[in-house]
Amino acid sequence: MGLSVKNDDFTKADYQLFSGRVRENLAALKLLLNRPDFGLGPTSFGAELEMYIIDHDYRVAPIYDYLLERCDDHQLQAELNRFNIEYNLSVVQAQGSPFLAIEREIEKVIARLNYHAADKGCRVLPIGILPTLTETDISSEMISDLPRYHALAQGLRQMRDGPFEIEIDGKNPLAFSTDDVALEGVNTSFQFHWRVAPSDFANLFNAVQLLTPLALAAGANSPILLGHELWDETRIAVFKQSIDYRDHDGESWRRPARVSFGNGWVRQGAYETFAETAALYPPLLPIVGDEDAVAVVANGGIPRLDELKLHHGTVWPWNRAVYDDAAGGHLRIEMRSLPAGPTAQDMTANVALVVGAAQALKARMPELLPLLPFNYASHNFYRAAQDGLNANLIWPTFNQTRLKEIPVSSAIMEMLPLAEEGLASLGVNDQEIARTLGIMRKRIDSQTSGARWQRRMLARVAQNEGPQSAYHGMLENYLREFSRGVDVAEWSDEI
């Protein structure tokens, strides 16, 4: 987030000063984006991978601090809960074999973490939600001992002024209340960053919004929470509800959620997404720096925009604009909805589909937007999360006379040739394109995602074991298949 968070005790004056600084940052950003040379540079990718730390009994192991100390790696970060850890992957250029480079780094860091975790009888694992979680694992005692997480938790609780209500449908619906935001930390994600030119931002961001449901359905890997089979990608419902600070009692209107698919198509560029965040959401962490951002821009420099970045980082749309003052200043699209796992290959295949097809559709997005009202794009996102590869989406076509639903698998197969075209235009080599998109084709042919595999394996194990033992047995088989190093479409269903 840039600025250091050291406390959670703020005054009204702190919030007023911070809000004023955010508005100044917005003015500086507008000036910066008017520079014709701002943000130009080669297309590049980056990612953040969140992982679970588990013990030999397949339960969470709260040893993040031990791993941080032993690894001594600035790319390794603490997460909200003590049993999670995050690795910030190196930036790679789009040309050549970027996805293979990302996969190799993921495999290398997991091996290094496992080497150190083994000293404690533990290991790390990329999986959206750990199936063996219990209610005792999501208490405030599990929140990492870092001021920024305690400040966030305090701010959300104060705004909510009551427990967070969780209700998720599924095979075994789940409903309960919690006073802690620790529940949000059960989600682990593969958050992908795509550097884009400012002039391309609106079209590419809208294309990513359109295409995200496809990758989410095929990449789902979180069907179980607290012993309940729920959505294929239950993380989406958990994250939205576990930090929903809104209290609807006595209100005749609905406040915007801090976790959402968005409020509409982007019509002009990145600036409007930052301005929307500043206008719609009250500050959570009113910490100010010492930069005069407008003066920096006026003198030809690249501002940090500390307060704007801090505020923007406390609003969590599933796809988000990112401003970074590094490398001469640039913009990125951050894709935040995709789960961790099952394998490095599966994670890169998900984003390759979106990036490639978005790049191919970039010039035609102004034609597509009138064909699909934004509320239907949002509908598609939540249907994909809930039903995975069984989802039906409302899908636009350039020659349409009416909207219609089609199976998500059909939409993916329709987009794969476009993804090939788009990746090639970015300089990704032919072998890399065939390999990554071939993984997606295999998933569609076999109707297998991480979530579908987990459900099938759980059903098999449950035939011979009790309910709780079945979750441990399923996870044991997940680890076995993960260790084989093949994508999930090739995982065995045999016990």
Foldseek 3Di string as FASTA:
>chain_A
DFDAFDAQDDDPVLLVVLLVLLVLLLVLVVLQLPPPPAADDAKKKWKKWKKFKAAPLLEFDLQLVQLCVVVVDPQKADDFFSGMIMGTGDMDGLAEQRLVVQQVVVVVVQVVSQVSSVVVRIGIAFFFAQQLDAPVRQDPVGTDPGNVSVNLFVLLLVLQVDWQWAWFAAPFTDTDTDSTLSLLVRGIAIKMKIFDAFQLAQLLVLLLLLCLLLLLLQAQGDQHDNLDGGASNCSLRRNQRSRFSDDCPPDPDDADGLEAQDDFRDDGGQSVQLVCLSPRDRARRSDDDDDSSNVQVVVVHQDQSVSSQNSQVSRHYQWHWDWGPPPVITIIIMHRRGGTDPHSLSVSLSVLLSQQLSQLCSVVSVLCDVQDGVVQSRVSNVQSRGHRQQGWGFDGDNPDPHTDTDGSLVVSVVSLVSSQVRSVVSNYDPVSSCSSPVLVVLCSVQVDYNSVLLVLLLVVQVVPDPSSVSSSVSVVLSVVQSVVVDHRSPRDSDD
